[in-house]
C-alpha atoms as a PDB file:
ATOM      1  CA  MET A   1      85.495   7.619 119.868  1.00  0.00           C
ATOM      2  CA  THR A   2      82.770   5.188 118.867  1.00  0.00           C
ATOM      3  CA  ASP A   3      80.170   3.363 120.793  1.00  0.00           C
ATOM      4  CA  ILE A   4      78.862   1.108 118.198  1.00  0.00           C
ATOM      5  CA  VAL A   5      80.871  -0.791 115.594  1.00  0.00           C
ATOM      6  CA  LEU A   6      79.593  -3.359 113.029  1.00  0.00           C
ATOM      7  CA  GLU A   7      82.400  -5.593 111.502  1.00  0.00           C
ATOM      8  CA  HIS A   8      81.363  -7.831 108.280  1.00  0.00           C
ATOM      9  CA  LEU A   9      77.886  -7.964 109.783  1.00  0.00           C
ATOM     10  CA  THR A  10      75.328 -10.253 108.223  1.00  0.00           C
ATOM     11  CA  ILE A  11      71.734  -9.831 109.488  1.00  0.00           C
ATOM     12  CA  GLY A  12      68.445 -11.594 108.924  1.00  0.00           C
ATOM     13  CA  TYR A  13      65.926 -14.250 110.432  1.00  0.00           C
ATOM     14  CA  GLY A  14      67.293 -17.602 110.740  1.00  0.00           C
ATOM     15  CA  LYS A  15      68.848 -18.712 107.363  1.00  0.00           C
ATOM     16  CA  LYS A  16      67.212 -15.720 105.662  1.00  0.00           C
ATOM     17  CA  VAL A  17      69.935 -12.927 105.138  1.00  0.00           C
ATOM     18  CA  ILE A  18      68.594  -9.438 104.922  1.00  0.00           C
ATOM     19  CA  ALA A  19      71.752  -7.702 104.619  1.00  0.00           C
ATOM     20  CA  ALA A  20      75.448  -9.058 104.447  1.00  0.00           C
ATOM     21  CA  ASP A  21      79.061  -7.457 105.297  1.00  0.00           C
ATOM     22  CA  LEU A  22      78.074  -4.464 106.961  1.00  0.00           C
ATOM     23  CA  ASN A  23      80.928  -2.314 108.233  1.00  0.00           C
ATOM     24  CA  LEU A  24      79.965   0.927 109.910  1.00  0.00           C
ATOM     25  CA  ALA A  25      81.415   2.785 113.052  1.00  0.00           C
ATOM     26  CA  LEU A  26      78.905   5.032 114.981  1.00  0.00           C
ATOM     27  CA  PRO A  27      80.584   8.329 116.544  1.00  0.00           C
ATOM     28  CA  SER A  28      80.098   8.815 120.305  1.00  0.00           C
ATOM     29  CA  GLN A  29      77.896  11.433 121.879  1.00  0.00           C
ATOM     30  CA  ALA A  30      76.621  12.314 118.610  1.00  0.00           C
ATOM     31  CA  VAL A  31      73.309  11.994 116.611  1.00  0.00           C
ATOM     32  CA  THR A  32      73.415   9.468 113.787  1.00  0.00           C
ATOM     33  CA  CYS A  33      70.480   8.976 111.026  1.00  0.00           C
ATOM     34  CA  LEU A  34      69.802   5.961 109.531  1.00  0.00           C
ATOM     35  CA  LEU A  35      68.084   7.064 106.194  1.00  0.00           C
ATOM     36  CA  SER A  36      66.398   4.243 104.113  1.00  0.00           C
ATOM     37  CA  GLY A  37      63.513   3.410 101.800  1.00  0.00           C
ATOM     38  CA  ASN A  38      60.745   1.074 102.875  1.00  0.00           C
ATOM     39  CA  GLY A  39      61.655  -2.598 103.455  1.00  0.00           C
ATOM     40  CA  CYS A  40      65.399  -2.518 103.299  1.00  0.00           C
ATOM     41  CA  GLY A  41      65.896  -4.111 106.601  1.00  0.00           C
ATOM     42  CA  LYS A  42      66.679  -1.101 108.949  1.00  0.00           C
ATOM     43  CA  THR A  43      64.318  -2.604 111.692  1.00  0.00           C
ATOM     44  CA  THR A  44      66.237  -5.959 111.533  1.00  0.00           C
ATOM     45  CA  LEU A  45      69.474  -3.812 111.632  1.00  0.00           C
ATOM     46  CA  LEU A  46      68.397  -2.219 114.727  1.00  0.00           C
ATOM     47  CA  LYS A  47      66.997  -5.208 116.304  1.00  0.00           C
ATOM     48  CA  THR A  48      70.721  -6.952 115.783  1.00  0.00           C
ATOM     49  CA  ILE A  49      72.472  -3.964 117.304  1.00  0.00           C
ATOM     50  CA  LEU A  50      70.139  -4.041 120.229  1.00  0.00           C
ATOM     51  CA  GLY A  51      71.107  -7.948 120.601  1.00  0.00           C
ATOM     52  CA  THR A  52      67.383  -8.818 120.580  1.00  0.00           C
ATOM     53  CA  LEU A  53      68.020 -10.741 117.038  1.00  0.00           C
ATOM     54  CA  PRO A  54      71.219 -12.773 116.933  1.00  0.00           C
ATOM     55  CA  THR A  55      73.820 -12.021 114.088  1.00  0.00           C
ATOM     56  CA  ILE A  56      74.107 -14.410 111.310  1.00  0.00           C
ATOM     57  CA  ASP A  57      77.578 -13.650 110.739  1.00  0.00           C
ATOM     58  CA  GLY A  58      79.963 -10.769 111.779  1.00  0.00           C
ATOM     59  CA  THR A  59      80.065  -9.042 114.947  1.00  0.00           C
ATOM     60  CA  VAL A  60      78.549  -5.949 116.690  1.00  0.00           C
ATOM     61  CA  LEU A  61      80.693  -4.191 119.042  1.00  0.00           C
ATOM     62  CA  ILE A  62      79.615  -1.970 121.775  1.00  0.00           C
ATOM     63  CA  ASN A  63      81.967   0.127 123.817  1.00  0.00           C
ATOM     64  CA  GLN A  64      84.631  -2.079 121.997  1.00  0.00           C
ATOM     65  CA  LYS A  65      83.142  -5.332 123.414  1.00  0.00           C
ATOM     66  CA  PRO A  66      81.446  -7.785 121.427  1.00  0.00           C
ATOM     67  CA  ILE A  67      77.448  -7.592 122.260  1.00  0.00           C
ATOM     68  CA  THR A  68      77.629 -11.406 122.753  1.00  0.00           C
ATOM     69  CA  THR A  69      79.704 -10.779 126.015  1.00  0.00           C
ATOM     70  CA  TYR A  70      77.150  -8.466 127.671  1.00  0.00           C
ATOM     71  CA  SER A  71      74.190 -10.001 129.881  1.00  0.00           C
ATOM     72  CA  HIS A  72      70.478  -8.968 128.853  1.00  0.00           C
ATOM     73  CA  ALA A  73      70.469  -6.837 132.032  1.00  0.00           C
ATOM     74  CA  ALA A  74      73.931  -4.968 131.055  1.00  0.00           C
ATOM     75  CA  LEU A  75      72.533  -4.237 127.630  1.00  0.00           C
ATOM     76  CA  SER A  76      69.513  -2.811 128.938  1.00  0.00           C
ATOM     77  CA  ARG A  77      71.312  -0.590 131.289  1.00  0.00           C
ATOM     78  CA  LEU A  78      73.722   0.538 128.512  1.00  0.00           C
ATOM     79  CA  MET A  79      71.142   0.928 125.418  1.00  0.00           C
ATOM     80  CA  ALA A  80      67.480   1.796 125.245  1.00  0.00           C
ATOM     81  CA  TYR A  81      65.079   1.420 122.462  1.00  0.00           C
ATOM     82  CA  VAL A  82      62.126   3.607 121.222  1.00  0.00           C
ATOM     83  CA  PRO A  83      59.877   1.498 118.904  1.00  0.00           C
ATOM     84  CA  GLN A  84      57.994   2.664 115.832  1.00  0.00           C
ATOM     85  CA  ALA A  85      54.663   2.420 117.428  1.00  0.00           C
ATOM     86  CA  HIS A  86      53.494   0.613 120.663  1.00  0.00           C
ATOM     87  CA  HIS A  87      50.112  -0.376 121.848  1.00  0.00           C
ATOM     88  CA  HIS A  88      49.490  -1.621 125.141  1.00  0.00           C
ATOM     89  CA  VAL A  89      46.970  -4.268 125.593  1.00  0.00           C
ATOM     90  CA  PHE A  90      46.216  -3.213 129.224  1.00  0.00           C
ATOM     91  CA  PRO A  91      45.459   0.177 130.447  1.00  0.00           C
ATOM     92  CA  PHE A  92      48.821   0.883 132.278  1.00  0.00           C
ATOM     93  CA  THR A  93      48.940   4.599 133.500  1.00  0.00           C
ATOM     94  CA  VAL A  94      51.552   6.909 131.856  1.00  0.00           C
ATOM     95  CA  GLU A  95      53.715   6.575 135.035  1.00  0.00           C
ATOM     96  CA  GLU A  96      53.620   2.921 135.086  1.00  0.00           C
ATOM     97  CA  VAL A  97      54.885   2.861 131.429  1.00  0.00           C
ATOM     98  CA  VAL A  98      57.718   5.023 132.215  1.00  0.00           C
ATOM     99  CA  LEU A  99      58.635   3.088 135.222  1.00  0.00           C
ATOM    100  CA  MET A 100      59.053   0.028 133.219  1.00  0.00           C
ATOM    101  CA  GLY A 101      62.070   1.737 132.123  1.00  0.00           C
ATOM    102  CA  ARG A 102      63.630   0.985 135.393  1.00  0.00           C
ATOM    103  CA  THR A 103      63.353  -2.764 135.098  1.00  0.00           C
ATOM    104  CA  ALA A 104      66.879  -3.060 134.115  1.00  0.00           C
ATOM    105  CA  HIS A 105      67.922  -1.621 137.429  1.00  0.00           C
ATOM    106  CA  ILE A 106      65.551  -3.532 139.586  1.00  0.00           C
ATOM    107  CA  SER A 107      65.891  -7.309 140.350  1.00  0.00           C
ATOM    108  CA  TRP A 108      62.751  -9.345 138.950  1.00  0.00           C
ATOM    109  CA  HIS A 109      61.409  -9.861 142.436  1.00  0.00           C
ATOM    110  CA  ALA A 110      61.521  -6.148 143.724  1.00  0.00           C
ATOM    111  CA  THR A 111      59.163  -3.121 143.362  1.00  0.00           C
ATOM    112  CA  PRO A 112      60.130   0.252 142.409  1.00  0.00           C
ATOM    113  CA  LYS A 113      61.756   2.339 145.057  1.00  0.00           C
ATOM    114  CA  ALA A 114      61.321   6.130 145.736  1.00  0.00           C
ATOM    115  CA  ALA A 115      64.581   6.720 143.665  1.00  0.00           C
ATOM    116  CA  ASP A 116      62.845   4.869 140.702  1.00  0.00           C
ATOM    117  CA  LEU A 117      59.742   6.794 141.094  1.00  0.00           C
ATOM    118  CA  ALA A 118      61.621  10.180 141.325  1.00  0.00           C
ATOM    119  CA  ILE A 119      63.644   9.286 137.962  1.00  0.00           C
ATOM    120  CA  ALA A 120      60.403   8.311 136.293  1.00  0.00           C
ATOM    121  CA  HIS A 121      58.778  11.713 137.345  1.00  0.00           C
ATOM    122  CA  ASP A 122      61.688  13.714 136.173  1.00  0.00           C
ATOM    123  CA  CYS A 123      61.582  12.105 132.900  1.00  0.00           C
ATOM    124  CA  LEU A 124      58.023  12.916 132.579  1.00  0.00           C
ATOM    125  CA  GLU A 125      58.536  16.440 133.678  1.00  0.00           C
ATOM    126  CA  ARG A 126      61.243  17.040 131.182  1.00  0.00           C
ATOM    127  CA  LEU A 127      59.101  15.795 128.165  1.00  0.00           C
ATOM    128  CA  ASN A 128      56.040  18.135 129.590  1.00  0.00           C
ATOM    129  CA  LEU A 129      54.167  15.044 130.289  1.00  0.00           C
ATOM    130  CA  SER A 130      53.727  15.443 133.984  1.00  0.00           C
ATOM    131  CA  HIS A 131      50.061  16.195 133.809  1.00  0.00           C
ATOM    132  CA  LEU A 132      49.461  12.910 132.100  1.00  0.00           C
ATOM    133  CA  ARG A 133      50.934  10.862 134.933  1.00  0.00           C
ATOM    134  CA  THR A 134      47.708   9.249 136.035  1.00  0.00           C
ATOM    135  CA  GLN A 135      46.138   8.978 132.574  1.00  0.00           C
ATOM    136  CA  ALA A 136      45.980   5.633 130.534  1.00  0.00           C
ATOM    137  CA  TYR A 137      48.412   5.185 128.137  1.00  0.00           C
ATOM    138  CA  THR A 138      45.726   3.555 125.700  1.00  0.00           C
ATOM    139  CA  GLU A 139      43.722   6.992 125.921  1.00  0.00           C
ATOM    140  CA  LEU A 140      46.778   9.219 124.830  1.00  0.00           C
ATOM    141  CA  SER A 141      47.233  10.472 121.207  1.00  0.00           C
ATOM    142  CA  GLY A 142      49.902   9.151 118.928  1.00  0.00           C
ATOM    143  CA  GLY A 143      52.251  12.062 119.435  1.00  0.00           C
ATOM    144  CA  GLN A 144      51.506  11.730 123.324  1.00  0.00           C
ATOM    145  CA  ARG A 145      52.194   7.975 123.152  1.00  0.00           C
ATOM    146  CA  GLN A 146      55.657   8.566 121.531  1.00  0.00           C
ATOM    147  CA  LEU A 147      56.889  10.838 124.056  1.00  0.00           C
ATOM    148  CA  VAL A 148      56.037   8.468 126.841  1.00  0.00           C
ATOM    149  CA  LEU A 149      57.938   5.927 125.139  1.00  0.00           C
ATOM    150  CA  ILE A 150      60.769   8.345 125.029  1.00  0.00           C
ATOM    151  CA  ALA A 151      60.551   9.003 128.619  1.00  0.00           C
ATOM    152  CA  ARG A 152      60.328   5.206 129.524  1.00  0.00           C
ATOM    153  CA  ALA A 153      63.658   5.028 127.487  1.00  0.00           C
ATOM    154  CA  LEU A 154      65.234   7.916 129.290  1.00  0.00           C
ATOM    155  CA  ALA A 155      64.149   6.073 132.678  1.00  0.00           C
ATOM    156  CA  GLN A 156      66.594   3.450 131.738  1.00  0.00           C
ATOM    157  CA  LYS A 157      69.588   5.992 132.040  1.00  0.00           C
ATOM    158  CA  PRO A 158      70.934   4.737 129.042  1.00  0.00           C
ATOM    159  CA  ALA A 159      74.345   5.907 127.387  1.00  0.00           C
ATOM    160  CA  ILE A 160      72.819   4.975 123.717  1.00  0.00           C
ATOM    161  CA  LEU A 161      69.456   5.690 122.586  1.00  0.00           C
ATOM    162  CA  ILE A 162      68.247   3.824 119.447  1.00  0.00           C
ATOM    163  CA  MET A 163      65.005   5.209 117.963  1.00  0.00           C
ATOM    164  CA  ASP A 164      62.979   3.401 115.161  1.00  0.00           C
ATOM    165  CA  GLU A 165      61.021   6.137 113.136  1.00  0.00           C
ATOM    166  CA  PRO A 166      60.294   8.270 116.210  1.00  0.00           C
ATOM    167  CA  THR A 167      58.632  10.795 114.141  1.00  0.00           C
ATOM    168  CA  ALA A 168      56.393   8.328 112.039  1.00  0.00           C
ATOM    169  CA  SER A 169      52.629   9.163 112.137  1.00  0.00           C
ATOM    170  CA  LEU A 170      53.264  12.400 113.983  1.00  0.00           C
ATOM    171  CA  ASP A 171      51.747  15.651 113.012  1.00  0.00           C
ATOM    172  CA  PHE A 172      54.283  18.676 112.338  1.00  0.00           C
ATOM    173  CA  GLY A 173      54.397  20.101 115.891  1.00  0.00           C
ATOM    174  CA  ASN A 174      55.186  16.637 117.535  1.00  0.00           C
ATOM    175  CA  GLN A 175      57.718  15.870 114.906  1.00  0.00           C
ATOM    176  CA  LEU A 176      59.527  19.200 116.019  1.00  0.00           C
ATOM    177  CA  LYS A 177      59.207  18.247 119.618  1.00  0.00           C
ATOM    178  CA  VAL A 178      60.767  14.876 119.257  1.00  0.00           C
ATOM    179  CA  LEU A 179      63.561  16.024 117.002  1.00  0.00           C
ATOM    180  CA  ASN A 180      64.338  18.955 119.665  1.00  0.00           C
ATOM    181  CA  HIS A 181      64.251  16.486 122.302  1.00  0.00           C
ATOM    182  CA  ILE A 182      66.980  14.522 120.524  1.00  0.00           C
ATOM    183  CA  LYS A 183      69.273  17.373 120.027  1.00  0.00           C
ATOM    184  CA  THR A 184      68.966  18.023 123.827  1.00  0.00           C
ATOM    185  CA  LEU A 185      69.776  14.569 124.428  1.00  0.00           C
ATOM    186  CA  LYS A 186      72.871  14.749 122.333  1.00  0.00           C
ATOM    187  CA  ALA A 187      73.900  17.928 123.952  1.00  0.00           C
ATOM    188  CA  GLU A 188      73.927  16.117 127.503  1.00  0.00           C
ATOM    189  CA  GLY A 189      76.155  13.557 126.262  1.00  0.00           C
ATOM    190  CA  MET A 190      74.049  10.848 124.841  1.00  0.00           C
ATOM    191  CA  SER A 191      74.917   8.896 121.636  1.00  0.00           C
ATOM    192  CA  ILE A 192      71.639   8.481 119.456  1.00  0.00           C
ATOM    193  CA  LEU A 193      70.748   6.322 116.382  1.00  0.00           C
ATOM    194  CA  PHE A 194      67.507   7.111 114.825  1.00  0.00           C
ATOM    195  CA  THR A 195      65.992   5.821 111.533  1.00  0.00           C
ATOM    196  CA  THR A 196      63.608   8.027 109.180  1.00  0.00           C
ATOM    197  CA  HIS A 197      62.561   8.194 105.747  1.00  0.00           C
ATOM    198  CA  GLN A 198      62.781  11.878 105.680  1.00  0.00           C
ATOM    199  CA  PRO A 199      65.978  13.453 104.495  1.00  0.00           C
ATOM    200  CA  GLU A 200      64.926  16.692 106.098  1.00  0.00           C
ATOM    201  CA  HIS A 201      65.071  15.317 109.495  1.00  0.00           C
ATOM    202  CA  ALA A 202      68.762  13.942 108.820  1.00  0.00           C
ATOM    203  CA  ALA A 203      69.616  17.504 107.547  1.00  0.00           C
ATOM    204  CA  HIS A 204      67.930  19.205 110.738  1.00  0.00           C
ATOM    205  CA  ILE A 205      69.527  17.372 113.827  1.00  0.00           C
ATOM    206  CA  SER A 206      72.225  14.704 112.526  1.00  0.00           C
ATOM    207  CA  ASP A 207      76.059  14.861 113.190  1.00  0.00           C
ATOM    208  CA  HIS A 208      76.242  11.524 111.012  1.00  0.00           C
ATOM    209  CA  VAL A 209      74.244   9.926 108.350  1.00  0.00           C
ATOM    210  CA  VAL A 210      74.209   6.551 106.948  1.00  0.00           C
ATOM    211  CA  LEU A 211      72.230   5.618 103.782  1.00  0.00           C
ATOM    212  CA  PHE A 212      71.139   2.087 103.883  1.00  0.00           C
ATOM    213  CA  HIS A 213      69.655   0.876 100.387  1.00  0.00           C
ATOM    214  CA  GLN A 214      68.889  -2.759  99.444  1.00  0.00           C
ATOM    215  CA  GLY A 215      70.604  -4.393 102.191  1.00  0.00           C
ATOM    216  CA  LYS A 216      73.971  -2.284 101.682  1.00  0.00           C
ATOM    217  CA  ILE A 217      75.452   0.814 103.119  1.00  0.00           C
ATOM    218  CA  ILE A 218      75.837   2.860 100.418  1.00  0.00           C
ATOM    219  CA  GLN A 219      77.236   6.171 102.008  1.00  0.00           C
ATOM    220  CA  ALA A 220      78.018   7.268 105.490  1.00  0.00           C
ATOM    221  CA  GLY A 221      79.433  10.441 106.633  1.00  0.00           C
ATOM    222  CA  THR A 222      78.575  14.022 107.257  1.00  0.00           C
ATOM    223  CA  PRO A 223      74.873  15.072 106.260  1.00  0.00           C
ATOM    224  CA  GLN A 224      76.880  17.340 103.480  1.00  0.00           C
ATOM    225  CA  ASP A 225      78.462  14.432 102.205  1.00  0.00           C
ATOM    226  CA  CYS A 226      75.401  12.153 102.243  1.00  0.00           C
ATOM    227  CA  LEU A 227      72.504  14.313 101.495  1.00  0.00           C
ATOM    228  CA  THR A 228      73.087  15.167  97.895  1.00  0.00           C
ATOM    229  CA  ALA A 229      70.883  14.800  94.983  1.00  0.00           C
ATOM    230  CA  SER A 230      72.789  12.024  93.417  1.00  0.00           C
ATOM    231  CA  HIS A 231      72.708   9.923  96.558  1.00  0.00           C
ATOM    232  CA  LEU A 232      69.193  10.445  97.505  1.00  0.00           C
ATOM    233  CA  ALA A 233      68.292   9.673  93.898  1.00  0.00           C
ATOM    234  CA  THR A 234      69.789   6.289  94.331  1.00  0.00           C
ATOM    235  CA  LEU A 235      68.326   5.846  97.864  1.00  0.00           C
ATOM    236  CA  TYR A 236      64.804   6.632  96.669  1.00  0.00           C
ATOM    237  CA  ASP A 237      64.927   5.440  92.997  1.00  0.00           C
ATOM    238  CA  LEU A 238      63.971   8.866  91.904  1.00  0.00           C
ATOM    239  CA  PRO A 239      65.193  11.174  89.010  1.00  0.00           C
ATOM    240  CA  MET A 240      67.649  14.020  90.313  1.00  0.00           C
ATOM    241  CA  ASP A 241      65.497  16.674  89.003  1.00  0.00           C
ATOM    242  CA  THR A 242      62.836  15.495  91.197  1.00  0.00           C
ATOM    243  CA  ILE A 243      65.000  15.476  94.166  1.00  0.00           C
ATOM    244  CA  HIS A 244      66.257  18.927  93.405  1.00  0.00           C
ATOM    245  CA  LYS A 245      62.685  20.145  93.052  1.00  0.00           C
ATOM    246  CA  HIS A 246      61.274  18.881  96.178  1.00  0.00           C
ATOM    247  CA  LEU A 247      64.412  19.042  98.567  1.00  0.00           C
ATOM    248  CA  ASN A 248      66.211  22.073  96.790  1.00  0.00           C
ATOM    249  CA  HIS A 249      66.674  23.743 100.182  1.00  0.00           C
ATOM    250  CA  MET A 250      68.925  21.216 101.561  1.00  0.00           C
ATOM    251  CA  PHE A 251      71.402  21.378  98.547  1.00  0.00           C
END
């Protein structure tokens, strides 16, 4: 079963094509890692899958339905997004930021109810952030902010979680925390698509790997099939002996 299917998809901005004729089916209730180098268009692809950027050509299917048939509210209830980095201008509290995840379930003129607050508190607790509930988001460390954004996404109660470089700029400890949370969410039945530049992360937690290079999907499948010296040498434009030297434990 698949939650997300791309059929002959062309993505970009206006008439500027970033990638063309992409075909892909992502497995349901699994962790899929989109592995790429810099500037290949992965964030553009994620925004297209999320419906925040229109397709130039082709189709994105979500649960076997074209994404264009969903309302914005319906997509927000189905999919949640954790961006690379996020900086609030206003000093919202951590609790307020997480409550923003409930907007997909609340009419625009309504205020959060006790049930919404309980969901937000539960998301904070499971990410060990309850002690920061009243603290300003702007005062948090980078690792804490990333965990708060994950809590906000979980407050949406999505079936699909899409994360753009969730471990970027985090120290080693916070990277492991985020990766372990991803594994836990998958075990609870969530479908997760995340991007990274680090093959080690793909090897550590992924069920499915997609290699995206110069606007093309060059390989998709199991970590064992994708994380080979040959594929990674192509992906990162490096000699295979360099790949073997630094990533030998993966092969």
